[in-house]
Amino acid sequence: MKDTNLNFKERLIDELNYRGLSNKEFAQKVGISLNTLGMYLYRGSIPAADVAVKMAQVLNTTAEYLILGTENNKPLPKQSTKTDWQKNEISRIVNSFTPSQLDNFIQIANAYKNAVSENTSSK
């Protein structure tokens, strides 16, 4: 979820909610204590650069977005297609999955692909 009108703690809370991560799970993935995370979530403290980068990696976003609310909007390469944003969105979602969720997603994706292939070939 990208809202540049929020401050750091609001963007962090928004991203955690969007990804369905608990505070405990997020703190473990980032490698910080729950107390430290609480400083960012409830006191509005800003993390050190290395922590902000790790937070951004776990949330599949950028430290620039988390801290400043802005993105480095580089133009897409010329070979990009109209579906690149969809592929990037799928990748962003899949990167947040647990191994079990990944297994389920692959089964669903393969079933969908097979169903679409069958519908296309029967026409």
Protein backbone atom coordinates (compact mmCIF):
# COMPACT_ATOMS: atom_id res chain seq x y z
CA MET A 1 0.00 0.00 0.00
CA LYS A 2 1.59 3.27 -1.05
CA ASP A 3 0.42 6.44 0.69
CA THR A 4 2.95 9.25 0.76
CA ASN A 5 0.88 11.36 3.19
CA LEU A 6 1.74 9.10 6.13
CA ASN A 7 4.72 9.37 8.48
CA PHE A 8 7.22 6.54 9.07
CA LYS A 9 5.32 4.77 11.84
CA GLU A 10 2.04 5.02 9.90
CA ARG A 11 3.66 3.66 6.73
CA LEU A 12 5.23 0.83 8.75
CA ILE A 13 1.90 -0.07 10.38
CA ASP A 14 0.18 0.15 6.99
CA GLU A 15 2.71 -2.18 5.37
CA LEU A 16 2.53 -4.68 8.25
CA ASN A 17 -1.26 -4.77 8.00
CA TYR A 18 -1.18 -5.02 4.21
CA ARG A 19 1.12 -8.02 4.37
CA GLY A 20 -0.64 -9.61 7.33
CA LEU A 21 2.53 -9.75 9.42
CA SER A 22 2.34 -9.81 13.20
CA ASN A 23 4.70 -7.58 15.16
CA LYS A 24 6.46 -10.65 16.53
CA GLU A 25 6.92 -12.26 13.11
CA PHE A 26 8.16 -9.00 11.60
CA ALA A 27 10.62 -8.31 14.44
CA GLN A 28 12.04 -11.83 14.07
CA LYS A 29 12.46 -11.47 10.30
CA VAL A 30 14.16 -8.09 10.71
CA GLY A 31 16.31 -9.31 13.59
CA ILE A 32 15.17 -6.79 16.20
CA SER A 33 13.41 -7.17 19.54
CA LEU A 34 9.71 -6.50 20.03
CA ASN A 35 10.69 -3.60 22.31
CA THR A 36 12.75 -2.04 19.54
CA LEU A 37 9.90 -2.49 17.07
CA GLY A 38 7.60 -0.86 19.62
CA MET A 39 9.82 2.23 19.60
CA TYR A 40 9.23 2.55 15.85
CA LEU A 41 5.52 1.74 15.98
CA TYR A 42 4.42 3.65 19.05
CA ARG A 43 7.03 6.30 19.80
CA GLY A 44 7.64 7.30 16.21
CA SER A 45 11.40 6.66 16.36
CA ILE A 46 13.22 6.29 13.05
CA PRO A 47 15.49 3.22 12.71
CA ALA A 48 19.16 3.25 11.76
CA ALA A 49 19.80 2.87 8.04
CA ASP A 50 20.73 -0.81 8.24
CA VAL A 51 17.54 -1.62 10.16
CA ALA A 52 15.41 0.43 7.75
CA VAL A 53 16.91 -1.45 4.81
CA LYS A 54 16.20 -4.82 6.44
CA MET A 55 12.62 -3.71 7.24
CA ALA A 56 12.14 -2.67 3.63
CA GLN A 57 13.47 -6.02 2.39
CA VAL A 58 11.09 -7.95 4.64
CA LEU A 59 8.19 -5.76 3.50
CA ASN A 60 9.28 -5.91 -0.15
CA THR A 61 9.47 -2.14 -0.45
CA THR A 62 12.23 0.46 -0.19
CA ALA A 63 13.77 2.15 2.83
CA GLU A 64 13.21 5.41 0.95
CA TYR A 65 9.47 4.77 0.91
CA LEU A 66 9.29 3.71 4.56
CA ILE A 67 11.24 6.70 5.85
CA LEU A 68 10.41 9.48 3.38
CA GLY A 69 7.22 8.25 1.76
CA THR A 70 8.73 8.57 -1.70
CA GLU A 71 9.89 6.08 -4.28
CA ASN A 72 12.73 6.31 -6.74
CA ASN A 73 10.55 6.20 -9.84
CA LYS A 74 12.95 5.14 -12.54
CA PRO A 75 11.45 4.79 -16.00
CA LEU A 76 10.74 1.22 -17.04
CA PRO A 77 13.20 -0.30 -19.50
CA LYS A 78 12.11 -0.12 -23.13
CA GLN A 79 11.58 -3.89 -23.32
CA SER A 80 8.96 -3.78 -20.55
CA THR A 81 5.43 -4.74 -21.42
CA LYS A 82 2.02 -3.67 -20.22
CA THR A 83 1.89 -6.75 -17.98
CA ASP A 84 5.18 -6.10 -16.17
CA TRP A 85 3.40 -4.34 -13.29
CA GLN A 86 1.20 -7.43 -12.85
CA LYS A 87 4.22 -9.73 -12.79
CA ASN A 88 5.94 -7.44 -10.29
CA GLU A 89 2.82 -7.41 -8.10
CA ILE A 90 2.63 -11.22 -8.16
CA SER A 91 6.33 -11.39 -7.29
CA ARG A 92 5.86 -8.93 -4.42
CA ILE A 93 2.98 -10.99 -3.02
CA VAL A 94 4.74 -14.34 -3.46
CA ASN A 95 7.89 -13.03 -1.75
CA SER A 96 5.90 -12.58 1.45
CA PHE A 97 4.60 -16.18 1.49
CA THR A 98 5.66 -18.87 3.92
CA PRO A 99 6.93 -22.13 2.37
CA SER A 100 3.52 -23.71 2.98
CA GLN A 101 1.74 -20.79 1.34
CA LEU A 102 4.12 -21.07 -1.63
CA ASP A 103 3.25 -24.75 -2.09
CA ASN A 104 -0.46 -23.93 -2.04
CA PHE A 105 0.00 -21.01 -4.42
CA ILE A 106 1.88 -23.17 -6.93
CA GLN A 107 -0.90 -25.78 -6.85
CA ILE A 108 -3.54 -23.11 -7.40
CA ALA A 109 -1.54 -21.42 -10.18
CA ASN A 110 -0.97 -24.72 -11.99
CA ALA A 111 -4.65 -25.67 -11.69
CA TYR A 112 -5.62 -22.26 -13.08
CA LYS A 113 -3.11 -22.53 -15.93
CA ASN A 114 -4.40 -26.01 -16.85
CA ALA A 115 -8.04 -24.88 -16.70
CA VAL A 116 -7.32 -21.88 -18.92
CA SER A 117 -5.38 -24.06 -21.38
CA GLU A 118 -8.26 -26.55 -21.56
CA ASN A 119 -10.82 -23.79 -22.12
CA THR A 120 -8.69 -22.21 -24.85
CA SER A 121 -8.06 -25.50 -26.68
CA SER A 122 -11.74 -26.55 -26.58
CA LYS A 123 -12.92 -23.42 -28.41
